[in-house]
Amino acid sequence: MTDAGSGSGEGFAEGEGFAVGGNFAEGEGFAAGEGEGTYLYAVARDPLPAPAGVAGAPVRTIAHAGLVAYVSTVPLERFGEEPLRRLLEDMDWLAETARAHHLVVDTVAALTTTAPVRLVTVYADDAQVADLLERRENDFLRLLEHVTGRREWGVKAYAVQPAEQEHPQQSAEAHAGRPGTAYLQRRRTSLRGREQARRQALQRADHIHRALAAVAAAGLRHRAQDPRLSGRDAPMLLNGAYLVDQERDAEFADLVATFGGDGVELRMTGPWAPYSFTVMEAT
């Protein structure tokens, strides 16, 4: 089993639910060596048809211990530990692999309760996957019960810098003094205003997260995304994931809509398969 390390969530589609590596136990989820390995997408209770997976490989199922694993056979010369360390630096390859992985997971999740597995979780063979299902049967069943009837929504909050406005009296006083002194005064005033606005925006983001988590069955905050990933220059104040009962989707969306404005811009994405809420702790 290979493990190229784990990344924080965010990244498949609209920045949601991305992570690399097995999400079961430390060191579990990456195969090493030559030949072929078994790529794991998700675990569910029901065997269903799924589209082609990573590298165009057919998706099949492994049934064991009352659970069904969705897998593909992949070459370890590309999906083994060392090749993956190189390929994970190739953003085009990563994006293509992520899209294929997500398509399989989303197709299955649309039809049955599903516990998604992180990107590029690869085992040495089917027997290792069956062993995983047997060892972690209770964990998987508990996760599947937890996410039944629920979907993941993402909410991102950005700090929007308002246009600076100079009070006429301040402007007159500043221009009446020496130019250098006036500039420094304006600069200090601007910095104080920005810092105050930043603190207020962070406080609002905390409030927004608490309010959304109260409506959701579960909520968590991912690390703020790098602007290169988010595609936004504005600072990200909140990168939240929320597991919401489907009958409360509209209520949740309405609540999100109430929090925009006053220096904070919100963006809601989803629904997604519950990537953020199916990571199992090591045992």
Protein backbone atom coordinates (compact mmCIF):
# COMPACT_ATOMS: atom_id res chain seq x y z
CA MET A 1 0.00 0.00 0.00
CA THR A 2 1.52 3.40 -0.96
CA ASP A 3 1.21 6.77 0.72
CA ALA A 4 2.45 9.94 -0.91
CA GLY A 5 1.36 11.92 2.08
CA SER A 6 -1.89 13.70 2.68
CA GLY A 7 -2.98 17.12 1.62
CA SER A 8 -5.64 19.16 3.22
CA GLY A 9 -9.09 18.91 1.74
CA GLU A 10 -10.05 20.99 -1.21
CA GLY A 11 -9.48 20.53 -4.82
CA PHE A 12 -11.49 18.17 -6.99
CA ALA A 13 -14.37 20.33 -8.12
CA GLU A 14 -14.81 23.91 -7.02
CA GLY A 15 -12.16 23.24 -4.40
CA GLU A 16 -14.12 20.71 -2.39
CA GLY A 17 -13.03 17.52 -0.73
CA PHE A 18 -9.51 17.08 -2.04
CA ALA A 19 -6.91 15.04 -0.20
CA VAL A 20 -4.21 12.59 -1.19
CA GLY A 21 -3.61 9.21 0.35
CA GLY A 22 -5.36 6.58 2.41
CA ASN A 23 -7.74 7.84 5.06
CA PHE A 24 -7.88 4.79 7.30
CA ALA A 25 -4.76 4.30 9.38
CA GLU A 26 -1.30 5.83 9.34
CA GLY A 27 0.66 4.43 6.43
CA GLU A 28 -2.42 2.73 4.98
CA GLY A 29 -3.50 3.46 1.44
CA PHE A 30 -0.49 3.31 -0.86
CA ALA A 31 1.06 0.28 -2.59
CA ALA A 32 4.70 -0.10 -3.51
CA GLY A 33 6.41 -2.42 -5.96
CA GLU A 34 5.80 -3.53 -9.53
CA GLY A 35 2.91 -5.11 -11.37
CA GLU A 36 -0.67 -4.07 -10.67
CA GLY A 37 -2.42 -2.56 -7.68
CA THR A 38 -6.01 -1.99 -6.61
CA TYR A 39 -7.19 1.63 -6.63
CA LEU A 40 -9.98 2.32 -4.13
CA TYR A 41 -12.62 5.02 -4.78
CA ALA A 42 -15.32 4.50 -2.18
CA VAL A 43 -17.11 2.05 0.08
CA ALA A 44 -20.88 1.50 0.10
CA ARG A 45 -23.39 -1.23 0.90
CA ASP A 46 -24.71 -1.85 -2.62
CA PRO A 47 -22.97 -2.99 -5.84
CA LEU A 48 -23.87 -0.61 -8.66
CA PRO A 49 -22.51 0.15 -12.14
CA ALA A 50 -19.98 2.96 -12.33
CA PRO A 51 -18.22 4.83 -15.16
CA ALA A 52 -14.60 4.29 -16.12
CA GLY A 53 -12.18 5.46 -13.47
CA VAL A 54 -8.64 6.79 -13.28
CA ALA A 55 -6.50 6.31 -16.39
CA GLY A 56 -9.64 5.01 -18.13
CA ALA A 57 -9.60 1.81 -16.07
CA PRO A 58 -12.91 -0.08 -15.66
CA VAL A 59 -14.48 0.13 -12.21
CA ARG A 60 -15.53 -3.07 -10.46
CA THR A 61 -16.64 -4.02 -6.97
CA ILE A 62 -15.26 -6.15 -4.14
CA ALA A 63 -17.94 -7.39 -1.75
CA HIS A 64 -16.90 -8.44 1.74
CA ALA A 65 -18.25 -8.26 5.29
CA GLY A 66 -21.52 -6.73 4.14
CA LEU A 67 -19.70 -3.87 2.38
CA VAL A 68 -18.86 -3.11 -1.24
CA ALA A 69 -15.61 -1.45 -2.33
CA TYR A 70 -15.45 0.32 -5.70
CA VAL A 71 -12.04 -0.29 -7.25
CA SER A 72 -9.97 -0.34 -10.43
CA THR A 73 -6.85 -2.29 -11.36
CA VAL A 74 -3.99 0.16 -12.03
CA PRO A 75 -0.32 -0.27 -13.01
CA LEU A 76 2.05 0.31 -10.10
CA GLU A 77 4.61 1.72 -12.53
CA ARG A 78 2.31 4.78 -12.51
CA PHE A 79 0.38 4.40 -9.25
CA GLY A 80 3.08 2.99 -7.00
CA GLU A 81 4.65 5.05 -4.23
CA GLU A 82 7.66 6.47 -6.07
CA PRO A 83 5.90 7.24 -9.39
CA LEU A 84 3.09 8.96 -7.49
CA ARG A 85 5.52 11.24 -5.68
CA ARG A 86 6.54 12.58 -9.08
CA LEU A 87 3.08 12.58 -10.68
CA LEU A 88 1.50 14.47 -7.78
CA GLU A 89 3.65 17.44 -8.81
CA ASP A 90 2.07 17.36 -12.29
CA MET A 91 -1.03 19.54 -11.93
CA ASP A 92 -2.49 18.44 -15.28
CA TRP A 93 -2.21 14.76 -14.31
CA LEU A 94 -3.57 15.50 -10.86
CA ALA A 95 -6.58 17.38 -12.25
CA GLU A 96 -7.38 14.63 -14.77
CA THR A 97 -7.07 11.92 -12.11
CA ALA A 98 -9.18 13.91 -9.68
CA ARG A 99 -11.95 14.38 -12.25
CA ALA A 100 -12.08 10.66 -12.98
CA HIS A 101 -12.03 9.79 -9.27
CA HIS A 102 -14.80 12.27 -8.53
CA LEU A 103 -16.96 11.03 -11.41
CA VAL A 104 -16.93 7.49 -10.01
CA VAL A 105 -17.68 8.66 -6.47
CA ASP A 106 -20.42 11.07 -7.52
CA THR A 107 -22.10 8.47 -9.74
CA VAL A 108 -22.24 5.93 -6.92
CA ALA A 109 -23.17 8.53 -4.29
CA ALA A 110 -26.14 9.66 -6.40
CA LEU A 111 -27.62 6.16 -6.08
CA THR A 112 -26.62 4.92 -2.64
CA THR A 113 -25.06 6.09 0.62
CA THR A 114 -21.33 6.23 0.01
CA ALA A 115 -18.15 6.72 2.02
CA PRO A 116 -15.69 8.32 -0.43
CA VAL A 117 -12.00 7.55 -0.16
CA ARG A 118 -9.28 10.09 -0.73
CA LEU A 119 -7.57 10.52 -4.08
CA VAL A 120 -4.96 7.93 -5.10
CA THR A 121 -5.60 5.39 -2.38
CA VAL A 122 -3.94 2.29 -3.84
CA TYR A 123 -3.58 -1.20 -2.36
CA ALA A 124 -1.32 -4.05 -3.43
CA ASP A 125 -4.23 -6.28 -4.47
CA ASP A 126 -7.90 -7.10 -3.94
CA ALA A 127 -7.05 -9.21 -0.89
CA GLN A 128 -5.74 -6.12 0.91
CA VAL A 129 -8.98 -4.27 0.18
CA ALA A 130 -11.05 -7.21 1.43
CA ASP A 131 -8.91 -7.27 4.57
CA LEU A 132 -9.57 -3.55 5.04
CA LEU A 133 -13.33 -4.11 4.80
CA GLU A 134 -13.16 -6.89 7.36
CA ARG A 135 -10.92 -5.03 9.82
CA ARG A 136 -12.80 -1.76 9.56
CA GLU A 137 -16.31 -3.12 9.05
CA ASN A 138 -17.77 -1.41 12.11
CA ASP A 139 -16.03 1.87 11.26
CA PHE A 140 -17.41 1.87 7.72
CA LEU A 141 -20.90 0.94 8.86
CA ARG A 142 -20.83 3.74 11.43
CA LEU A 143 -19.68 6.23 8.78
CA LEU A 144 -22.34 5.13 6.31
CA GLU A 145 -25.01 5.48 8.97
CA HIS A 146 -23.72 8.96 9.84
CA VAL A 147 -23.92 10.26 6.25
CA THR A 148 -27.17 8.53 5.21
CA GLY A 149 -29.65 11.11 3.89
CA ARG A 150 -27.04 13.87 4.10
CA ARG A 151 -24.81 15.71 1.65
CA GLU A 152 -21.78 17.93 1.94
CA TRP A 153 -21.95 21.63 1.11
CA GLY A 154 -19.01 23.99 0.97
CA VAL A 155 -19.10 27.63 2.04
CA LYS A 156 -16.22 30.00 1.42
CA ALA A 157 -16.05 33.55 2.78
CA TYR A 158 -13.74 36.19 1.30
CA ALA A 159 -12.76 39.58 2.67
CA VAL A 160 -13.84 42.23 0.20
CA GLN A 161 -11.82 45.44 0.51
CA PRO A 162 -14.15 48.44 0.25
CA ALA A 163 -13.02 51.42 -1.75
CA GLU A 164 -11.13 53.85 0.46
CA GLN A 165 -12.91 57.13 1.00
CA GLU A 166 -11.19 60.19 2.40
CA HIS A 167 -13.18 62.60 4.55
CA PRO A 168 -13.13 66.12 2.98
CA GLN A 169 -11.92 67.75 6.22
CA GLN A 170 -9.14 65.18 6.63
CA SER A 171 -8.12 65.73 3.03
CA ALA A 172 -7.93 69.49 3.47
CA GLU A 173 -5.91 69.19 6.67
CA ALA A 174 -3.55 66.70 5.09
CA HIS A 175 -2.87 68.84 2.04
CA ALA A 176 -2.31 71.89 4.24
CA GLY A 177 0.67 70.24 5.92
CA ARG A 178 3.94 69.06 4.46
CA PRO A 179 3.49 66.49 1.64
CA GLY A 180 5.62 63.81 3.35
CA THR A 181 3.83 64.17 6.66
CA ALA A 182 0.45 64.13 4.94
CA TYR A 183 1.31 60.93 3.09
CA LEU A 184 2.43 59.16 6.27
CA GLN A 185 -0.72 60.27 8.06
CA ARG A 186 -2.92 58.97 5.28
CA ARG A 187 -0.94 55.75 5.20
CA ARG A 188 -1.32 55.15 8.95
CA THR A 189 -5.03 55.90 8.78
CA SER A 190 -5.46 53.49 5.87
CA LEU A 191 -3.56 50.69 7.63
CA ARG A 192 -5.55 51.14 10.83
CA GLY A 193 -8.78 51.00 8.84
CA ARG A 194 -7.73 47.86 7.00
CA GLU A 195 -6.65 46.09 10.18
CA GLN A 196 -9.93 46.95 11.86
CA ALA A 197 -11.87 45.72 8.83
CA ARG A 198 -9.84 42.49 8.81
CA ARG A 199 -10.57 41.80 12.49
CA GLN A 200 -14.26 42.47 11.99
CA ALA A 201 -14.36 40.20 8.93
CA LEU A 202 -12.66 37.37 10.84
CA GLN A 203 -15.16 37.73 13.66
CA ARG A 204 -18.00 37.59 11.14
CA ALA A 205 -16.51 34.45 9.58
CA ASP A 206 -16.44 32.79 13.01
CA HIS A 207 -20.07 33.77 13.54
CA ILE A 208 -21.07 32.49 10.09
CA HIS A 209 -19.40 29.13 10.70
CA ARG A 210 -21.08 28.67 14.08
CA ALA A 211 -24.49 29.56 12.63
CA LEU A 212 -24.13 27.20 9.67
CA ALA A 213 -22.79 24.36 11.82
CA ALA A 214 -25.84 24.74 14.08
CA VAL A 215 -28.13 23.95 11.13
CA ALA A 216 -25.90 21.18 9.76
CA ALA A 217 -25.51 17.69 11.18
CA ALA A 218 -21.77 18.37 11.27
CA GLY A 219 -19.45 21.18 10.24
CA LEU A 220 -15.72 21.75 10.04
CA ARG A 221 -13.25 24.33 8.82
CA HIS A 222 -10.56 23.46 6.31
CA ARG A 223 -7.42 25.54 5.98
CA ALA A 224 -7.86 28.67 3.89
CA GLN A 225 -6.88 27.99 0.30
CA ASP A 226 -3.87 29.51 -1.36
CA PRO A 227 -5.01 32.17 -3.88
CA ARG A 228 -3.45 30.06 -6.64
CA LEU A 229 -5.98 27.32 -5.85
CA SER A 230 -8.98 29.48 -5.03
CA GLY A 231 -8.47 31.70 -8.07
CA ARG A 232 -9.21 34.72 -5.90
CA ASP A 233 -6.88 37.49 -4.74
CA ALA A 234 -9.20 38.36 -1.86
CA PRO A 235 -8.18 36.76 1.47
CA MET A 236 -10.20 33.66 2.33
CA LEU A 237 -11.71 34.00 5.80
CA LEU A 238 -13.67 30.75 5.89
CA ASN A 239 -13.34 27.47 4.06
CA GLY A 240 -16.11 25.47 5.65
CA ALA A 241 -17.66 22.08 4.95
CA TYR A 242 -21.10 21.18 6.26
CA LEU A 243 -22.94 17.86 6.33
CA VAL A 244 -26.60 18.74 5.86
CA ASP A 245 -29.75 16.64 6.01
CA GLN A 246 -31.25 16.74 2.53
CA GLU A 247 -34.60 18.01 3.81
CA ARG A 248 -32.75 21.03 5.25
CA ASP A 249 -30.85 21.94 2.06
CA ALA A 250 -33.12 24.89 1.27
CA GLU A 251 -33.01 26.15 4.85
CA PHE A 252 -29.21 25.94 4.81
CA ALA A 253 -28.95 27.80 1.48
CA ASP A 254 -31.32 30.52 2.71
CA LEU A 255 -29.18 30.98 5.82
CA VAL A 256 -26.01 31.30 3.75
CA ALA A 257 -27.69 34.01 1.66
CA THR A 258 -28.31 36.14 4.75
CA PHE A 259 -24.62 36.54 5.58
CA GLY A 260 -23.23 38.35 2.53
CA GLY A 261 -22.23 42.01 2.45
CA ASP A 262 -20.43 44.36 4.85
CA GLY A 263 -16.97 43.43 3.60
CA VAL A 264 -17.62 39.68 3.33
CA GLU A 265 -18.45 37.79 0.13
CA LEU A 266 -19.82 34.25 0.43
CA ARG A 267 -19.70 31.43 -2.09
CA MET A 268 -21.65 28.20 -1.58
CA THR A 269 -20.74 25.05 -3.53
CA GLY A 270 -22.16 21.57 -3.72
CA PRO A 271 -23.77 19.30 -3.01
CA TRP A 272 -20.84 16.90 -2.83
CA ALA A 273 -20.35 13.36 -1.66
CA PRO A 274 -19.34 13.64 2.02
CA TYR A 275 -15.55 13.61 1.57
CA SER A 276 -14.90 15.78 4.61
CA PHE A 277 -16.89 13.53 6.94
CA THR A 278 -15.71 10.03 6.02
CA VAL A 279 -12.11 10.13 7.21
CA MET A 280 -11.52 7.42 9.79
CA GLU A 281 -9.04 7.74 12.63
CA ALA A 282 -6.12 5.36 12.87
CA THR A 283 -6.58 2.34 15.10
